[in-house]
Amino acid sequence: MKDRLRSGGTGVGARILIGLLRFYRSAISPLLPPLCRFEPSCSCYSIEAIQQHGAFRGSWLTMTRLLRCHPFSKGGFDPVPIKED
C-alpha cells in the first residue's frame, strides 16, 4: 500500500487535481495574459509535479513554485525535481 501511495500521480486525488489543472489550462488560462516567468509554465509544472510525485508532494512543489512566480522574480528554466526513490 505504501508503495502505491509513493508511486506518483496515480491516485484519485492526483487525478482530480490534474483534471482541474487541465480545465484551467483549456478554459481559464486563454482568457488571461501570460504572466508566468518560468519555463515550463506554472500550470504545466504543477501537472508534471503531481504526475511524478503524487498529489501531496506535487501540491507542495506547486505551492513553492507559485510563491516564486512574481513580478520581481528573475524566472527562467525551473524543472520539476527528479523523484528520489
PDB file of N, CA and C in Angstrom:
ATOM      1  N   MET A   1       0.816  -1.191   0.000  1.00  0.00           N
ATOM      2  CA  MET A   1       0.000   0.000   0.000  1.00  0.00           C
ATOM      3  C   MET A   1       0.862   1.259   0.000  1.00  0.00           C
ATOM      4  N   LYS A   2       1.918   1.282   0.833  1.00  0.00           N
ATOM      5  CA  LYS A   2       2.778   2.454   0.879  1.00  0.00           C
ATOM      6  C   LYS A   2       3.450   2.697  -0.460  1.00  0.00           C
ATOM      7  N   ASP A   3       3.850   1.619  -1.155  1.00  0.00           N
ATOM      8  CA  ASP A   3       4.475   1.781  -2.461  1.00  0.00           C
ATOM      9  C   ASP A   3       3.523   2.458  -3.431  1.00  0.00           C
ATOM     10  N   ARG A   4       2.250   2.119  -3.369  1.00  0.00           N
ATOM     11  CA  ARG A   4       1.282   2.736  -4.269  1.00  0.00           C
ATOM     12  C   ARG A   4       1.122   4.221  -3.957  1.00  0.00           C
ATOM     13  N   LEU A   5       1.133   4.585  -2.666  1.00  0.00           N
ATOM     14  CA  LEU A   5       1.000   5.980  -2.292  1.00  0.00           C
ATOM     15  C   LEU A   5       2.199   6.798  -2.745  1.00  0.00           C
ATOM     16  N   ARG A   6       3.350   6.185  -2.819  1.00  0.00           N
ATOM     17  CA  ARG A   6       4.566   6.898  -3.205  1.00  0.00           C
ATOM     18  C   ARG A   6       4.862   6.798  -4.694  1.00  0.00           C
ATOM     19  N   SER A   7       4.030   6.103  -5.435  1.00  0.00           N
ATOM     20  CA  SER A   7       4.359   5.818  -6.832  1.00  0.00           C
ATOM     21  C   SER A   7       4.121   6.980  -7.776  1.00  0.00           C
ATOM     22  N   GLY A   8       3.596   8.082  -7.297  1.00  0.00           N
ATOM     23  CA  GLY A   8       3.368   9.213  -8.176  1.00  0.00           C
ATOM     24  C   GLY A   8       1.892   9.490  -8.342  1.00  0.00           C
ATOM     25  N   GLY A   9       1.562  10.161  -9.425  1.00  0.00           N
ATOM     26  CA  GLY A   9       0.226  10.669  -9.640  1.00  0.00           C
ATOM     27  C   GLY A   9      -0.778   9.684 -10.164  1.00  0.00           C
ATOM     28  N   THR A  10      -0.927   8.531  -9.525  1.00  0.00           N
ATOM     29  CA  THR A  10      -1.894   7.545  -9.995  1.00  0.00           C
ATOM     30  C   THR A  10      -3.124   7.475  -9.112  1.00  0.00           C
ATOM     31  N   GLY A  11      -3.113   8.127  -7.965  1.00  0.00           N
ATOM     32  CA  GLY A  11      -4.234   8.065  -7.037  1.00  0.00           C
ATOM     33  C   GLY A  11      -5.389   8.954  -7.466  1.00  0.00           C
ATOM     34  N   VAL A  12      -6.493   8.798  -6.769  1.00  0.00           N
ATOM     35  CA  VAL A  12      -7.697   9.568  -7.075  1.00  0.00           C
ATOM     36  C   VAL A  12      -7.452  11.064  -6.890  1.00  0.00           C
ATOM     37  N   GLY A  13      -6.798  11.437  -5.793  1.00  0.00           N
ATOM     38  CA  GLY A  13      -6.512  12.848  -5.543  1.00  0.00           C
ATOM     39  C   GLY A  13      -5.676  13.467  -6.646  1.00  0.00           C
ATOM     40  N   ALA A  14      -4.667  12.743  -7.094  1.00  0.00           N
ATOM     41  CA  ALA A  14      -3.808  13.242  -8.170  1.00  0.00           C
ATOM     42  C   ALA A  14      -4.599  13.406  -9.459  1.00  0.00           C
ATOM     43  N   ARG A  15      -5.452  12.443  -9.762  1.00  0.00           N
ATOM     44  CA  ARG A  15      -6.251  12.537 -10.994  1.00  0.00           C
ATOM     45  C   ARG A  15      -7.220  13.712 -10.943  1.00  0.00           C
ATOM     46  N   ILE A  16      -7.808  13.965  -9.784  1.00  0.00           N
ATOM     47  CA  ILE A  16      -8.719  15.108  -9.647  1.00  0.00           C
ATOM     48  C   ILE A  16      -7.961  16.417  -9.836  1.00  0.00           C
ATOM     49  N   LEU A  17      -6.813  16.552  -9.175  1.00  0.00           N
ATOM     50  CA  LEU A  17      -6.017  17.775  -9.303  1.00  0.00           C
ATOM     51  C   LEU A  17      -5.570  18.005 -10.739  1.00  0.00           C
ATOM     52  N   ILE A  18      -5.115  16.952 -11.399  1.00  0.00           N
ATOM     53  CA  ILE A  18      -4.675  17.083 -12.790  1.00  0.00           C
ATOM     54  C   ILE A  18      -5.852  17.467 -13.683  1.00  0.00           C
ATOM     55  N   GLY A  19      -7.026  16.891 -13.439  1.00  0.00           N
ATOM     56  CA  GLY A  19      -8.218  17.267 -14.200  1.00  0.00           C
ATOM     57  C   GLY A  19      -8.564  18.736 -14.020  1.00  0.00           C
ATOM     58  N   LEU A  20      -8.483  19.231 -12.789  1.00  0.00           N
ATOM     59  CA  LEU A  20      -8.749  20.648 -12.530  1.00  0.00           C
ATOM     60  C   LEU A  20      -7.721  21.543 -13.219  1.00  0.00           C
ATOM     61  N   LEU A  21      -6.470  21.132 -13.191  1.00  0.00           N
ATOM     62  CA  LEU A  21      -5.423  21.916 -13.856  1.00  0.00           C
ATOM     63  C   LEU A  21      -5.617  21.932 -15.369  1.00  0.00           C
ATOM     64  N   ARG A  22      -6.012  20.808 -15.938  1.00  0.00           N
ATOM     65  CA  ARG A  22      -6.265  20.768 -17.385  1.00  0.00           C
ATOM     66  C   ARG A  22      -7.461  21.632 -17.757  1.00  0.00           C
ATOM     67  N   PHE A  23      -8.489  21.651 -16.905  1.00  0.00           N
ATOM     68  CA  PHE A  23      -9.626  22.540 -17.127  1.00  0.00           C
ATOM     69  C   PHE A  23      -9.156  23.993 -17.096  1.00  0.00           C
ATOM     70  N   TYR A  24      -8.349  24.350 -16.102  1.00  0.00           N
ATOM     71  CA  TYR A  24      -7.807  25.706 -16.011  1.00  0.00           C
ATOM     72  C   TYR A  24      -7.032  26.069 -17.276  1.00  0.00           C
ATOM     73  N   ARG A  25      -6.178  25.152 -17.736  1.00  0.00           N
ATOM     74  CA  ARG A  25      -5.355  25.429 -18.919  1.00  0.00           C
ATOM     75  C   ARG A  25      -6.195  25.608 -20.179  1.00  0.00           C
ATOM     76  N   SER A  26      -7.299  24.880 -20.306  1.00  0.00           N
ATOM     77  CA  SER A  26      -8.094  24.961 -21.534  1.00  0.00           C
ATOM     78  C   SER A  26      -9.186  26.027 -21.480  1.00  0.00           C
ATOM     79  N   ALA A  27      -9.745  26.307 -20.300  1.00  0.00           N
ATOM     80  CA  ALA A  27     -10.890  27.211 -20.231  1.00  0.00           C
ATOM     81  C   ALA A  27     -10.578  28.585 -19.633  1.00  0.00           C
ATOM     82  N   ILE A  28      -9.669  28.651 -18.686  1.00  0.00           N
ATOM     83  CA  ILE A  28      -9.422  29.914 -17.982  1.00  0.00           C
ATOM     84  C   ILE A  28      -8.146  30.597 -18.450  1.00  0.00           C
ATOM     85  N   SER A  29      -7.074  29.852 -18.568  1.00  0.00           N
ATOM     86  CA  SER A  29      -5.777  30.418 -18.939  1.00  0.00           C
ATOM     87  C   SER A  29      -5.796  31.200 -20.257  1.00  0.00           C
ATOM     88  N   PRO A  30      -6.516  30.731 -21.297  1.00  0.00           N
ATOM     89  CA  PRO A  30      -6.528  31.511 -22.546  1.00  0.00           C
ATOM     90  C   PRO A  30      -7.149  32.907 -22.400  1.00  0.00           C
ATOM     91  N   LEU A  31      -7.945  33.124 -21.367  1.00  0.00           N
ATOM     92  CA  LEU A  31      -8.584  34.419 -21.149  1.00  0.00           C
ATOM     93  C   LEU A  31      -7.683  35.402 -20.409  1.00  0.00           C
ATOM     94  N   LEU A  32      -6.579  34.915 -19.866  1.00  0.00           N
ATOM     95  CA  LEU A  32      -5.672  35.738 -19.071  1.00  0.00           C
ATOM     96  C   LEU A  32      -4.391  36.037 -19.845  1.00  0.00           C
ATOM     97  N   PRO A  33      -3.769  37.189 -19.569  1.00  0.00           N
ATOM     98  CA  PRO A  33      -2.477  37.456 -20.216  1.00  0.00           C
ATOM     99  C   PRO A  33      -1.412  36.509 -19.669  1.00  0.00           C
ATOM    100  N   PRO A  34      -0.409  36.166 -20.482  1.00  0.00           N
ATOM    101  CA  PRO A  34       0.661  35.275 -19.999  1.00  0.00           C
ATOM    102  C   PRO A  34       1.534  36.001 -18.968  1.00  0.00           C
ATOM    103  N   LEU A  35       1.503  35.532 -17.748  1.00  0.00           N
ATOM    104  CA  LEU A  35       2.232  36.192 -16.666  1.00  0.00           C
ATOM    105  C   LEU A  35       3.364  35.356 -16.084  1.00  0.00           C
ATOM    106  N   CYS A  36       3.363  34.069 -16.341  1.00  0.00           N
ATOM    107  CA  CYS A  36       4.356  33.198 -15.728  1.00  0.00           C
ATOM    108  C   CYS A  36       5.751  33.524 -16.255  1.00  0.00           C
ATOM    109  N   ARG A  37       6.684  33.645 -15.348  1.00  0.00           N
ATOM    110  CA  ARG A  37       8.062  33.985 -15.701  1.00  0.00           C
ATOM    111  C   ARG A  37       8.946  32.754 -15.860  1.00  0.00           C
ATOM    112  N   PHE A  38       8.366  31.594 -15.653  1.00  0.00           N
ATOM    113  CA  PHE A  38       9.142  30.366 -15.666  1.00  0.00           C
ATOM    114  C   PHE A  38       8.821  29.506 -16.876  1.00  0.00           C
ATOM    115  N   GLU A  39       9.738  28.621 -17.164  1.00  0.00           N
ATOM    116  CA  GLU A  39       9.551  27.584 -18.183  1.00  0.00           C
ATOM    117  C   GLU A  39       9.868  26.260 -17.514  1.00  0.00           C
ATOM    118  N   PRO A  40       9.002  25.296 -17.484  1.00  0.00           N
ATOM    119  CA  PRO A  40       7.643  25.288 -18.014  1.00  0.00           C
ATOM    120  C   PRO A  40       6.739  26.211 -17.198  1.00  0.00           C
ATOM    121  N   SER A  41       5.589  26.562 -17.771  1.00  0.00           N
ATOM    122  CA  SER A  41       4.648  27.436 -17.070  1.00  0.00           C
ATOM    123  C   SER A  41       4.244  26.790 -15.744  1.00  0.00           C
ATOM    124  N   CYS A  42       3.717  27.591 -14.848  1.00  0.00           N
ATOM    125  CA  CYS A  42       3.361  27.074 -13.522  1.00  0.00           C
ATOM    126  C   CYS A  42       2.314  25.968 -13.597  1.00  0.00           C
ATOM    127  N   SER A  43       1.355  26.076 -14.513  1.00  0.00           N
ATOM    128  CA  SER A  43       0.337  25.023 -14.609  1.00  0.00           C
ATOM    129  C   SER A  43       0.930  23.736 -15.179  1.00  0.00           C
ATOM    130  N   CYS A  44       1.818  23.840 -16.157  1.00  0.00           N
ATOM    131  CA  CYS A  44       2.496  22.641 -16.682  1.00  0.00           C
ATOM    132  C   CYS A  44       3.390  22.023 -15.610  1.00  0.00           C
ATOM    133  N   TYR A  45       4.089  22.872 -14.870  1.00  0.00           N
ATOM    134  CA  TYR A  45       4.938  22.412 -13.770  1.00  0.00           C
ATOM    135  C   TYR A  45       4.100  21.644 -12.757  1.00  0.00           C
ATOM    136  N   SER A  46       2.937  22.186 -12.423  1.00  0.00           N
ATOM    137  CA  SER A  46       2.066  21.556 -11.440  1.00  0.00           C
ATOM    138  C   SER A  46       1.600  20.178 -11.895  1.00  0.00           C
ATOM    139  N   ILE A  47       1.172  20.065 -13.138  1.00  0.00           N
ATOM    140  CA  ILE A  47       0.736  18.770 -13.667  1.00  0.00           C
ATOM    141  C   ILE A  47       1.880  17.769 -13.607  1.00  0.00           C
ATOM    142  N   GLU A  48       3.049  18.193 -14.053  1.00  0.00           N
ATOM    143  CA  GLU A  48       4.210  17.294 -14.050  1.00  0.00           C
ATOM    144  C   GLU A  48       4.608  16.899 -12.626  1.00  0.00           C
ATOM    145  N   ALA A  49       4.571  17.857 -11.701  1.00  0.00           N
ATOM    146  CA  ALA A  49       4.933  17.569 -10.309  1.00  0.00           C
ATOM    147  C   ALA A  49       3.972  16.559  -9.690  1.00  0.00           C
ATOM    148  N   ILE A  50       2.684  16.713  -9.958  1.00  0.00           N
ATOM    149  CA  ILE A  50       1.692  15.783  -9.406  1.00  0.00           C
ATOM    150  C   ILE A  50       1.829  14.413 -10.056  1.00  0.00           C
ATOM    151  N   GLN A  51       2.093  14.374 -11.357  1.00  0.00           N
ATOM    152  CA  GLN A  51       2.276  13.088 -12.032  1.00  0.00           C
ATOM    153  C   GLN A  51       3.492  12.351 -11.492  1.00  0.00           C
ATOM    154  N   GLN A  52       4.570  13.066 -11.236  1.00  0.00           N
ATOM    155  CA  GLN A  52       5.808  12.423 -10.787  1.00  0.00           C
ATOM    156  C   GLN A  52       5.830  12.126  -9.292  1.00  0.00           C
ATOM    157  N   HIS A  53       5.269  13.030  -8.488  1.00  0.00           N
ATOM    158  CA  HIS A  53       5.437  12.942  -7.037  1.00  0.00           C
ATOM    159  C   HIS A  53       4.156  12.642  -6.272  1.00  0.00           C
ATOM    160  N   GLY A  54       3.014  12.623  -6.943  1.00  0.00           N
ATOM    161  CA  GLY A  54       1.751  12.379  -6.257  1.00  0.00           C
ATOM    162  C   GLY A  54       1.083  13.673  -5.828  1.00  0.00           C
ATOM    163  N   ALA A  55      -0.141  13.557  -5.323  1.00  0.00           N
ATOM    164  CA  ALA A  55      -0.958  14.730  -5.010  1.00  0.00           C
ATOM    165  C   ALA A  55      -0.355  15.589  -3.897  1.00  0.00           C
ATOM    166  N   PHE A  56       0.086  14.974  -2.811  1.00  0.00           N
ATOM    167  CA  PHE A  56       0.568  15.754  -1.672  1.00  0.00           C
ATOM    168  C   PHE A  56       1.886  16.465  -1.982  1.00  0.00           C
ATOM    169  N   ARG A  57       2.902  15.708  -2.346  1.00  0.00           N
ATOM    170  CA  ARG A  57       4.219  16.311  -2.632  1.00  0.00           C
ATOM    171  C   ARG A  57       4.149  17.211  -3.865  1.00  0.00           C
ATOM    172  N   GLY A  58       3.395  16.803  -4.887  1.00  0.00           N
ATOM    173  CA  GLY A  58       3.242  17.628  -6.080  1.00  0.00           C
ATOM    174  C   GLY A  58       2.576  18.954  -5.778  1.00  0.00           C
ATOM    175  N   SER A  59       1.593  18.945  -4.875  1.00  0.00           N
ATOM    176  CA  SER A  59       0.935  20.195  -4.467  1.00  0.00           C
ATOM    177  C   SER A  59       1.894  21.085  -3.689  1.00  0.00           C
ATOM    178  N   TRP A  60       2.724  20.474  -2.850  1.00  0.00           N
ATOM    179  CA  TRP A  60       3.725  21.245  -2.105  1.00  0.00           C
ATOM    180  C   TRP A  60       4.720  21.899  -3.069  1.00  0.00           C
ATOM    181  N   LEU A  61       5.206  21.145  -4.033  1.00  0.00           N
ATOM    182  CA  LEU A  61       6.131  21.701  -5.020  1.00  0.00           C
ATOM    183  C   LEU A  61       5.469  22.833  -5.804  1.00  0.00           C
ATOM    184  N   THR A  62       4.196  22.653  -6.147  1.00  0.00           N
ATOM    185  CA  THR A  62       3.456  23.688  -6.873  1.00  0.00           C
ATOM    186  C   THR A  62       3.334  24.950  -6.029  1.00  0.00           C
ATOM    187  N   MET A  63       3.005  24.796  -4.757  1.00  0.00           N
ATOM    188  CA  MET A  63       2.853  25.959  -3.891  1.00  0.00           C
ATOM    189  C   MET A  63       4.164  26.738  -3.773  1.00  0.00           C
ATOM    190  N   THR A  64       5.277  26.033  -3.607  1.00  0.00           N
ATOM    191  CA  THR A  64       6.560  26.734  -3.503  1.00  0.00           C
ATOM    192  C   THR A  64       6.915  27.412  -4.821  1.00  0.00           C
ATOM    193  N   ARG A  65       6.554  26.793  -5.932  1.00  0.00           N
ATOM    194  CA  ARG A  65       6.793  27.405  -7.244  1.00  0.00           C
ATOM    195  C   ARG A  65       5.957  28.674  -7.405  1.00  0.00           C
ATOM    196  N   LEU A  66       4.679  28.618  -7.038  1.00  0.00           N
ATOM    197  CA  LEU A  66       3.810  29.789  -7.164  1.00  0.00           C
ATOM    198  C   LEU A  66       4.291  30.943  -6.294  1.00  0.00           C
ATOM    199  N   LEU A  67       4.878  30.641  -5.152  1.00  0.00           N
ATOM    200  CA  LEU A  67       5.421  31.695  -4.298  1.00  0.00           C
ATOM    201  C   LEU A  67       6.633  32.371  -4.931  1.00  0.00           C
ATOM    202  N   ARG A  68       7.329  31.664  -5.809  1.00  0.00           N
ATOM    203  CA  ARG A  68       8.496  32.238  -6.503  1.00  0.00           C
ATOM    204  C   ARG A  68       8.107  32.985  -7.772  1.00  0.00           C
ATOM    205  N   CYS A  69       6.880  32.800  -8.253  1.00  0.00           N
ATOM    206  CA  CYS A  69       6.450  33.396  -9.521  1.00  0.00           C
ATOM    207  C   CYS A  69       5.760  34.733  -9.243  1.00  0.00           C
ATOM    208  N   HIS A  70       6.531  35.797  -9.290  1.00  0.00           N
ATOM    209  CA  HIS A  70       6.008  37.139  -9.032  1.00  0.00           C
ATOM    210  C   HIS A  70       6.780  38.136  -9.891  1.00  0.00           C
ATOM    211  N   PRO A  71       6.308  39.379  -9.993  1.00  0.00           N
ATOM    212  CA  PRO A  71       6.938  40.358 -10.894  1.00  0.00           C
ATOM    213  C   PRO A  71       8.412  40.635 -10.618  1.00  0.00           C
ATOM    214  N   PHE A  72       8.868  40.407  -9.401  1.00  0.00           N
ATOM    215  CA  PHE A  72      10.265  40.689  -9.070  1.00  0.00           C
ATOM    216  C   PHE A  72      11.172  39.472  -9.232  1.00  0.00           C
ATOM    217  N   SER A  73      10.598  38.362  -9.650  1.00  0.00           N
ATOM    218  CA  SER A  73      11.359  37.131  -9.845  1.00  0.00           C
ATOM    219  C   SER A  73      12.092  37.164 -11.183  1.00  0.00           C
ATOM    220  N   LYS A  74      13.276  36.611 -11.185  1.00  0.00           N
ATOM    221  CA  LYS A  74      14.054  36.512 -12.416  1.00  0.00           C
ATOM    222  C   LYS A  74      13.425  35.512 -13.381  1.00  0.00           C
ATOM    223  N   GLY A  75      12.815  34.465 -12.844  1.00  0.00           N
ATOM    224  CA  GLY A  75      12.187  33.443 -13.687  1.00  0.00           C
ATOM    225  C   GLY A  75      13.227  32.549 -14.333  1.00  0.00           C
ATOM    226  N   GLY A  76      12.897  32.026 -15.515  1.00  0.00           N
ATOM    227  CA  GLY A  76      13.811  31.157 -16.238  1.00  0.00           C
ATOM    228  C   GLY A  76      13.385  29.703 -16.187  1.00  0.00           C
ATOM    229  N   PHE A  77      14.315  28.829 -16.553  1.00  0.00           N
ATOM    230  CA  PHE A  77      14.039  27.395 -16.598  1.00  0.00           C
ATOM    231  C   PHE A  77      14.046  26.830 -15.183  1.00  0.00           C
ATOM    232  N   ASP A  78      12.961  26.178 -14.803  1.00  0.00           N
ATOM    233  CA  ASP A  78      12.812  25.629 -13.454  1.00  0.00           C
ATOM    234  C   ASP A  78      12.051  24.311 -13.549  1.00  0.00           C
ATOM    235  N   PRO A  79      12.749  23.214 -13.824  1.00  0.00           N
ATOM    236  CA  PRO A  79      12.063  21.926 -13.982  1.00  0.00           C
ATOM    237  C   PRO A  79      11.626  21.336 -12.642  1.00  0.00           C
ATOM    238  N   VAL A  80      10.717  20.390 -12.710  1.00  0.00           N
ATOM    239  CA  VAL A  80      10.285  19.645 -11.528  1.00  0.00           C
ATOM    240  C   VAL A  80      11.467  18.808 -11.045  1.00  0.00           C
ATOM    241  N   PRO A  81      11.751  18.819  -9.734  1.00  0.00           N
ATOM    242  CA  PRO A  81      12.855  17.996  -9.232  1.00  0.00           C
ATOM    243  C   PRO A  81      12.608  16.515  -9.508  1.00  0.00           C
ATOM    244  N   ILE A  82      13.677  15.804  -9.751  1.00  0.00           N
ATOM    245  CA  ILE A  82      13.587  14.369 -10.016  1.00  0.00           C
ATOM    246  C   ILE A  82      13.217  13.658  -8.726  1.00  0.00           C
ATOM    247  N   LYS A  83      12.305  12.715  -8.839  1.00  0.00           N
ATOM    248  CA  LYS A  83      11.833  11.964  -7.677  1.00  0.00           C
ATOM    249  C   LYS A  83      12.920  11.012  -7.199  1.00  0.00           C
ATOM    250  N   GLU A  84      13.218  11.097  -5.907  1.00  0.00           N
ATOM    251  CA  GLU A  84      14.185  10.180  -5.306  1.00  0.00           C
ATOM    252  C   GLU A  84      13.442   8.962  -4.798  1.00  0.00           C
ATOM    253  N   ASP A  85      14.011   7.790  -5.002  1.00  0.00           N
ATOM    254  CA  ASP A  85      13.351   6.557  -4.542  1.00  0.00           C
ATOM    255  C   ASP A  85      13.653   6.257  -3.112  1.00  0.00           C
TER     256      ASP A  85
END
